[in-house]
Each structure stands twice: as structure tokens, then as C-alpha cells.
Amino acid sequence: MKTPSCLLLLLGAMTCTPGLAGQFGSFIYSESGGKITITGLVNFGTGATGTIPGSINGKPVTAIGESALGGSVFESVTIPNSVTTIGYGAFNVSFYLSSLNLGTGVTRIDDNAFYLCSRLQNLTLPSSLTSVGNFAFASCALKHVTIPAKLTHIGNLPFAYCNLLTSLSVDPLNPVFSGDGISCFDKAKTTLVLCPSGYDGTYVVPGTVTIIGANAFAGNTVLDDVVITPKVTQIQDGAFFYCQHLMGIHVDAKNSMYSTVDGVCFDKGETTLVAYPNGRTGNYVVPDTVTMIGNQAFAGANLLRTIQLPAPSS
């Protein structure tokens, strides 16, 4: 919780004029340039419903500040249309939050804003939204997310570890991203940007895809296998990071860049180990043909006990 820059009067609403900070109900705020930012809470909030005021003392509330409402006890939160920015960690670790109503003016949701809001199931991103930061909704209970038309920046792992999230949709008017009802791609559907972290079973990379983006599958703890189709020519770092149920990465024999040996992904010549399935346990012996371990090749393989590297060549 943030501490205001002036002394809070016990249970009172107040305004502090040189520090430009005050308290309105349970909310602590600051003022700058005639605009209000919510910066904290008194006693983690009160009651099941948290309704952010649209204005305080006639001045608009335009932002929820960094870590302002993190750890609150609110079960339901309504953010007014006046708010444009939800800051870093603004609601993170709000375990009771199950209902979120985002106002129509929100344009930016920063890193970790709703991280570990583990009861949050339903989410409607407003049409005004242009940017979602890293881990913004990670470890929530979301089941479906629609990417609106104006959302053109998606950070790393925004929906990671959302184990109930089985599908993503993209507004067809979005100029940067597209969808197939399950995953999110670039507009041309040549780069796989995000596979939903609750997708289970076997995922077959669509035939149009040439690039599997960084962290595209990262944080999926229910996925069993991935099939990489012939046109894929690039697998970016961390694509399968912390997929702790992943047992195999299978490459089509017609692929010119990658190959598979026993469900482990290598380059075509089997000299670089590209990605090891994180769901495997026990011991792994790296083949003698391997001269390079790719960046993050074993990242997240926490169940693996030992790795035996090839003997150095004479």
C-alpha cells in the first residue's frame, strides 16, 4: 500500500494542500495538473464493492497508481470512464476480486496490474484500450478474452498461468493482431503471438505460421504436446517456458529448419538443442551430435533431475 505524503486524519475525508494528497472515503489520492490519481487504500478497503470515484472535489480521477489497490479485499470493482491508466500492480494479489468493470476510457493497463487476482473469471477489455503490459492478468481465473480493435501493444505473458483460459478472440478491425477463435497471431497469421494458457491436449501450429513468438506458449501448465508444421522457420526464446505438462514437441519431417528426436526439438542438423519439454521428469542424456544448447532450451524444466552433456570432442 502507498503511504500518502501528508498525515491522514482518522476516518476523515481530507485534502492536503501543499502535498496535493488526500483521502476520499477509503481511497487515498494525489492531485497534479487538475487531475486525480488514486494512490492507496485505508485498511485494504471496506465492503465487498469498490467503486472508484469519477471525480474528487470536482476534478477527474484519471489514473489508478502503482500498487494503489493491491491486496484489497474488494470482491467487485468498478472503474469509471474518466480513468485512462491503470498502473503497475494496481490491483495485484487482490485474491477476493471476482468481478471487474472497466470504464470506457481506459487506454493503458500496465505490468502486473491484475496479477494473481485468482478469482477473476470474466473480463471485458474496453474498446478504448491500446496497451496491455507484462503479466497484466497473469494467474487469474479467466476463461475467454477478446482483444479489442485498438489494442496494438501486448506485453510479455499478459495471460500466463490462467489455467482456465481456453480461447482468445481478436476484433477483426484490429490492425496489428488477428485470431482464429483460439490463439492470437500477427495480422498476416504468420507469427503465433499467444496460445491461451488453458489450452490442453495437443496444439497443432497452423500451417500459415512461420514464427512461433517469444513466450507464445509460456505459462501453459496443461498443454500435452505441440506439433510444429513445415513452414515454421523460427522459434523465438522462451516459446515453451514453464509449460509444466508439456511432454513432446513434434516437428513435421518436411520442416527445413527444425527436427525432433524423441519429442525434443532440435535444429535440422541436430547440432543445437532448441527446446526441451518441461513436463518430463527423470534424467536426460543430450545426444552426441549436439554442440550447442539454445537460449532457454531447458528454462522451466523444473521436474528434470539431471542433464548429461556429451563428452568433449578430442
Protein backbone atom coordinates (compact mmCIF):
# COMPACT_ATOMS: atom_id res chain seq x y z
CA MET A 1 0.00 0.00 0.00
CA LYS A 2 1.15 3.52 -0.75
CA THR A 3 1.61 5.96 2.16
CA PRO A 4 0.22 9.45 1.46
CA SER A 5 2.57 12.39 1.64
CA CYS A 6 0.54 14.02 4.36
CA LEU A 7 -0.88 12.83 7.67
CA LEU A 8 -4.25 11.09 7.30
CA LEU A 9 -6.96 12.26 9.64
CA LEU A 10 -8.53 9.27 11.32
CA LEU A 11 -11.55 8.10 9.27
CA GLY A 12 -12.00 11.55 7.76
CA ALA A 13 -12.12 12.88 4.23
CA MET A 14 -9.41 15.47 3.75
CA THR A 15 -7.33 17.47 1.35
CA CYS A 16 -3.69 18.39 1.95
CA THR A 17 -2.76 21.49 0.05
CA PRO A 18 0.82 21.69 -0.10
CA GLY A 19 1.31 17.93 -0.62
CA LEU A 20 -1.64 17.73 -3.01
CA ALA A 21 -2.76 14.49 -1.41
CA GLY A 22 -5.86 13.47 0.48
CA GLN A 23 -8.41 10.87 1.42
CA PHE A 24 -11.85 10.32 -0.08
CA GLY A 25 -13.76 7.55 1.68
CA SER A 26 -11.40 4.56 1.69
CA PHE A 27 -9.29 5.94 -1.15
CA ILE A 28 -6.05 7.87 -0.84
CA TYR A 29 -5.28 10.16 -3.77
CA SER A 30 -2.88 12.71 -5.16
CA GLU A 31 -3.50 15.64 -7.46
CA SER A 32 -1.42 17.04 -10.28
CA GLY A 33 -2.41 19.44 -13.03
CA GLY A 34 -6.04 19.34 -12.04
CA LYS A 35 -6.19 15.52 -12.35
CA ILE A 36 -6.56 12.92 -9.61
CA THR A 37 -4.62 9.67 -9.22
CA ILE A 38 -5.77 7.03 -6.73
CA THR A 39 -2.63 6.09 -4.81
CA GLY A 40 -3.77 3.83 -1.98
CA LEU A 41 -6.39 2.50 0.38
CA VAL A 42 -7.17 2.78 4.06
CA ASN A 43 -7.39 -0.64 5.77
CA PHE A 44 -7.37 -2.52 2.42
CA GLY A 45 -10.78 -1.04 1.56
CA THR A 46 -14.13 -1.66 3.15
CA GLY A 47 -17.07 -3.73 1.94
CA ALA A 48 -17.43 -6.12 -0.95
CA THR A 49 -17.74 -3.45 -3.64
CA GLY A 50 -15.09 -0.94 -4.62
CA THR A 51 -16.40 1.86 -6.80
CA ILE A 52 -13.63 4.21 -7.87
CA PRO A 53 -14.95 7.78 -7.82
CA GLY A 54 -15.10 9.53 -11.18
CA SER A 55 -14.14 12.84 -9.63
CA ILE A 56 -12.97 14.24 -6.32
CA ASN A 57 -13.58 17.87 -5.41
CA GLY A 58 -14.70 18.48 -8.99
CA LYS A 59 -11.50 17.15 -10.52
CA PRO A 60 -11.47 13.99 -12.69
CA VAL A 61 -9.92 10.74 -11.49
CA THR A 62 -7.76 9.72 -14.44
CA ALA A 63 -5.40 7.06 -13.06
CA ILE A 64 -5.04 4.21 -10.59
CA GLY A 65 -1.44 4.49 -9.40
CA GLU A 66 1.31 1.94 -8.91
CA SER A 67 0.30 -0.75 -6.37
CA ALA A 68 -2.51 1.56 -5.26
CA LEU A 69 -5.16 -1.07 -4.56
CA GLY A 70 -3.02 -4.20 -4.45
CA GLY A 71 -4.13 -6.70 -1.84
CA SER A 72 -7.54 -5.09 -1.42
CA VAL A 73 -10.49 -7.11 -0.08
CA PHE A 74 -12.92 -5.91 -2.74
CA GLU A 75 -14.91 -8.65 -4.47
CA SER A 76 -16.17 -6.31 -7.17
CA VAL A 77 -14.52 -3.21 -8.63
CA THR A 78 -15.96 -0.60 -10.98
CA ILE A 79 -13.55 1.77 -12.69
CA PRO A 80 -15.15 4.97 -14.01
CA ASN A 81 -14.99 6.19 -17.59
CA SER A 82 -12.70 9.06 -16.51
CA VAL A 83 -9.79 6.68 -15.78
CA THR A 84 -7.32 6.26 -18.66
CA THR A 85 -4.42 4.46 -16.93
CA ILE A 86 -4.26 1.50 -14.55
CA GLY A 87 -0.74 1.48 -13.15
CA TYR A 88 1.86 -1.14 -12.35
CA GLY A 89 0.50 -3.69 -9.87
CA ALA A 90 -2.57 -1.52 -9.24
CA PHE A 91 -4.76 -4.45 -8.13
CA ASN A 92 -2.22 -7.26 -7.88
CA VAL A 93 -2.74 -10.03 -5.33
CA SER A 94 -6.38 -8.99 -4.77
CA PHE A 95 -7.45 -12.55 -4.03
CA TYR A 96 -11.13 -11.73 -3.46
CA LEU A 97 -11.67 -9.83 -6.70
CA SER A 98 -14.12 -11.77 -8.89
CA SER A 99 -15.89 -9.02 -10.82
CA LEU A 100 -14.24 -6.19 -12.76
CA ASN A 101 -16.00 -3.46 -14.70
CA LEU A 102 -13.51 -1.43 -16.73
CA GLY A 103 -14.61 2.02 -17.83
CA THR A 104 -14.80 3.05 -21.46
CA GLY A 105 -11.89 5.49 -21.14
CA VAL A 106 -9.15 3.05 -20.14
CA THR A 107 -6.33 3.13 -22.71
CA ARG A 108 -3.46 1.51 -20.78
CA ILE A 109 -3.18 -1.38 -18.32
CA ASP A 110 0.39 -1.60 -17.04
CA ASP A 111 2.56 -4.54 -15.95
CA ASN A 112 1.19 -6.82 -13.21
CA ALA A 113 -1.93 -4.66 -12.86
CA PHE A 114 -4.20 -7.61 -12.02
CA TYR A 115 -1.57 -10.25 -11.39
CA LEU A 116 -2.74 -13.08 -9.11
CA CYS A 117 -6.36 -11.93 -8.89
CA SER A 118 -7.05 -15.63 -8.69
CA ARG A 119 -10.88 -15.40 -8.59
CA LEU A 120 -11.25 -13.06 -11.55
CA GLN A 121 -13.12 -15.11 -14.19
CA ASN A 122 -14.80 -12.67 -16.56
CA LEU A 123 -13.04 -9.85 -18.37
CA THR A 124 -14.27 -7.42 -21.00
CA LEU A 125 -11.47 -5.24 -22.31
CA PRO A 126 -12.87 -1.82 -23.33
CA SER A 127 -12.75 -0.68 -26.94
CA SER A 128 -10.59 2.27 -25.86
CA LEU A 129 -7.71 0.03 -24.73
CA THR A 130 -4.42 0.39 -26.65
CA SER A 131 -1.82 -1.28 -24.39
CA VAL A 132 -1.64 -4.26 -22.01
CA GLY A 133 1.58 -4.78 -20.09
CA ASN A 134 3.64 -7.76 -18.97
CA PHE A 135 1.83 -10.21 -16.67
CA ALA A 136 -1.12 -7.81 -16.58
CA PHE A 137 -3.70 -10.58 -15.94
CA ALA A 138 -1.37 -13.49 -15.16
CA SER A 139 -2.63 -16.13 -12.72
CA CYS A 140 -6.27 -15.09 -12.98
CA ALA A 141 -9.25 -17.43 -13.50
CA LEU A 142 -10.16 -16.02 -16.92
CA LYS A 143 -11.95 -18.31 -19.36
CA HIS A 144 -12.01 -16.19 -22.52
CA VAL A 145 -10.53 -12.87 -23.64
CA THR A 146 -11.34 -10.74 -26.68
CA ILE A 147 -8.60 -8.44 -27.97
CA PRO A 148 -10.33 -5.17 -28.97
CA ALA A 149 -9.66 -3.27 -32.20
CA LYS A 150 -7.43 -0.55 -30.74
CA LEU A 151 -5.23 -2.85 -28.64
CA THR A 152 -1.96 -2.78 -30.58
CA HIS A 153 0.58 -3.42 -27.80
CA ILE A 154 0.54 -6.72 -25.88
CA GLY A 155 3.38 -7.24 -23.40
CA ASN A 156 5.04 -10.49 -22.37
CA LEU A 157 2.91 -13.18 -20.73
CA PRO A 158 -0.17 -10.99 -20.14
CA PHE A 159 -2.41 -14.05 -19.51
CA ALA A 160 0.20 -16.58 -18.34
CA TYR A 161 -0.84 -19.24 -15.82
CA CYS A 162 -4.54 -18.57 -16.48
CA ASN A 163 -5.25 -22.29 -16.49
CA LEU A 164 -8.95 -21.91 -17.37
CA LEU A 165 -8.28 -19.68 -20.39
CA THR A 166 -9.05 -21.88 -23.40
CA SER A 167 -9.62 -19.32 -26.14
CA LEU A 168 -8.68 -15.86 -27.37
CA SER A 169 -10.62 -13.79 -29.90
CA VAL A 170 -9.44 -10.75 -31.81
CA ASP A 171 -11.64 -7.97 -33.17
CA PRO A 172 -11.34 -8.21 -36.98
CA LEU A 173 -10.77 -4.45 -37.15
CA ASN A 174 -7.55 -4.71 -35.15
CA PRO A 175 -4.72 -3.53 -37.47
CA VAL A 176 -1.92 -5.48 -35.73
CA PHE A 177 -3.37 -8.76 -34.45
CA SER A 178 -5.71 -11.44 -35.75
CA GLY A 179 -7.25 -14.60 -34.36
CA ASP A 180 -8.70 -17.97 -35.26
CA GLY A 181 -11.01 -18.27 -32.26
CA ILE A 182 -8.32 -19.99 -30.19
CA SER A 183 -5.00 -18.13 -30.46
CA CYS A 184 -3.68 -14.66 -31.24
CA PHE A 185 -1.46 -14.01 -34.28
CA ASP A 186 0.01 -11.07 -36.12
CA LYS A 187 -2.30 -9.65 -38.77
CA ALA A 188 -0.97 -11.91 -41.54
CA LYS A 189 -1.21 -15.00 -39.31
CA THR A 190 2.47 -15.75 -39.92
CA THR A 191 3.54 -15.22 -36.27
CA LEU A 192 1.92 -17.05 -33.38
CA VAL A 193 1.78 -14.42 -30.64
CA LEU A 194 -0.24 -16.12 -27.88
CA CYS A 195 -1.72 -19.54 -27.32
CA PRO A 196 -4.20 -19.45 -24.40
CA SER A 197 -2.63 -20.82 -21.25
CA GLY A 198 -5.56 -23.12 -20.53
CA TYR A 199 -5.43 -24.88 -23.89
CA ASP A 200 -4.91 -28.58 -23.19
CA GLY A 201 -4.22 -31.68 -25.23
CA THR A 202 -2.27 -31.29 -28.47
CA TYR A 203 -1.83 -27.95 -30.22
CA VAL A 204 -1.09 -28.05 -33.95
CA VAL A 205 0.56 -24.84 -35.12
CA PRO A 206 -1.49 -23.50 -38.05
CA GLY A 207 0.01 -24.04 -41.49
CA THR A 208 0.38 -20.31 -42.21
CA VAL A 209 2.71 -19.74 -39.25
CA THR A 210 6.42 -19.20 -39.91
CA ILE A 211 7.39 -17.77 -36.49
CA ILE A 212 6.50 -19.02 -33.03
CA GLY A 213 6.83 -15.86 -30.98
CA ALA A 214 8.71 -15.37 -27.72
CA ASN A 215 6.68 -16.80 -24.82
CA ALA A 216 3.89 -17.87 -27.19
CA PHE A 217 3.05 -20.94 -25.07
CA ALA A 218 4.77 -19.83 -21.85
CA GLY A 219 2.88 -20.39 -18.63
CA ASN A 220 0.58 -23.08 -20.00
CA THR A 221 0.54 -25.83 -17.38
CA VAL A 222 -1.99 -28.15 -19.06
CA LEU A 223 -0.71 -28.47 -22.65
CA ASP A 224 0.46 -32.01 -23.53
CA ASP A 225 2.07 -31.75 -26.98
CA VAL A 226 2.84 -29.24 -29.72
CA VAL A 227 3.07 -30.10 -33.42
CA ILE A 228 5.29 -27.79 -35.45
CA THR A 229 4.25 -27.63 -39.09
CA PRO A 230 6.52 -27.43 -42.19
CA LYS A 231 6.52 -23.64 -42.67
CA VAL A 232 7.86 -22.73 -39.22
CA THR A 233 11.35 -21.27 -39.66
CA GLN A 234 11.86 -19.53 -36.32
CA ILE A 235 11.13 -20.46 -32.71
CA GLN A 236 11.85 -17.48 -30.50
CA ASP A 237 13.27 -17.58 -26.97
CA GLY A 238 11.04 -18.86 -24.19
CA ALA A 239 8.33 -20.08 -26.54
CA PHE A 240 7.63 -23.09 -24.29
CA PHE A 241 8.80 -21.64 -20.98
CA TYR A 242 7.17 -23.20 -17.91
CA CYS A 243 4.81 -25.46 -19.85
CA GLN A 244 4.99 -27.94 -17.00
CA HIS A 245 2.70 -30.55 -18.55
CA LEU A 246 4.34 -30.48 -22.00
CA MET A 247 5.62 -33.93 -22.92
CA GLY A 248 6.55 -33.56 -26.57
CA ILE A 249 7.45 -31.01 -29.27
CA HIS A 250 6.91 -32.78 -32.57
CA VAL A 251 8.27 -31.35 -35.81
CA ASP A 252 6.90 -32.30 -39.22
CA ALA A 253 9.59 -34.14 -41.21
CA LYS A 254 9.12 -31.67 -44.08
CA ASN A 255 10.25 -28.74 -41.92
CA SER A 256 13.56 -27.39 -43.29
CA MET A 257 14.78 -25.73 -40.07
CA TYR A 258 13.85 -27.99 -37.17
CA SER A 259 13.66 -31.68 -36.26
CA THR A 260 12.52 -33.90 -33.40
CA VAL A 261 14.29 -36.66 -31.55
CA ASP A 262 12.08 -38.41 -29.01
CA GLY A 263 9.86 -35.34 -28.65
CA VAL A 264 12.75 -32.92 -28.07
CA CYS A 265 13.18 -30.08 -30.55
CA PHE A 266 16.50 -29.58 -32.38
CA ASP A 267 17.69 -27.67 -35.41
CA LYS A 268 17.59 -29.64 -38.64
CA GLY A 269 21.15 -30.90 -38.30
CA GLU A 270 20.56 -31.93 -34.67
CA THR A 271 23.55 -29.90 -33.52
CA THR A 272 21.53 -27.36 -31.49
CA LEU A 273 19.03 -28.38 -28.82
CA VAL A 274 16.28 -25.79 -29.23
CA ALA A 275 13.61 -26.72 -26.66
CA TYR A 276 13.11 -29.47 -24.10
CA PRO A 277 9.54 -30.34 -22.98
CA ASN A 278 9.10 -29.05 -19.43
CA GLY A 279 6.74 -31.81 -18.32
CA ARG A 280 9.33 -34.57 -18.40
CA THR A 281 10.89 -35.99 -15.27
CA GLY A 282 13.98 -38.05 -14.50
CA ASN A 283 17.23 -37.77 -16.42
CA TYR A 284 18.07 -36.59 -19.92
CA VAL A 285 21.12 -37.52 -21.98
CA VAL A 286 21.89 -34.89 -24.61
CA PRO A 287 22.73 -36.58 -27.96
CA ASP A 288 26.37 -36.68 -29.01
CA THR A 289 25.59 -34.68 -32.15
CA VAL A 290 24.73 -31.59 -30.10
CA THR A 291 27.32 -28.81 -29.94
CA MET A 292 25.07 -26.01 -28.71
CA ILE A 293 22.25 -25.67 -26.15
CA GLY A 294 19.82 -23.00 -27.31
CA ASN A 295 18.88 -19.98 -25.22
CA GLN A 296 16.26 -21.02 -22.61
CA ALA A 297 16.18 -24.55 -24.05
CA PHE A 298 15.65 -26.05 -20.57
CA ALA A 299 14.03 -22.99 -18.96
CA GLY A 300 11.18 -24.11 -16.71
CA ALA A 301 12.13 -27.82 -16.82
CA ASN A 302 11.94 -27.98 -13.04
CA LEU A 303 10.93 -31.65 -12.94
CA LEU A 304 14.13 -32.79 -14.65
CA ARG A 305 16.64 -34.29 -12.22
CA THR A 306 19.85 -34.44 -14.27
CA ILE A 307 21.18 -33.46 -17.68
CA GLN A 308 24.11 -35.40 -19.13
CA LEU A 309 26.07 -33.45 -21.72
CA PRO A 310 28.10 -35.06 -24.50
CA ALA A 311 31.76 -35.75 -23.78
CA PRO A 312 34.04 -33.04 -25.23
CA SER A 313 35.49 -33.97 -28.61
CA SER A 314 39.19 -34.67 -28.75
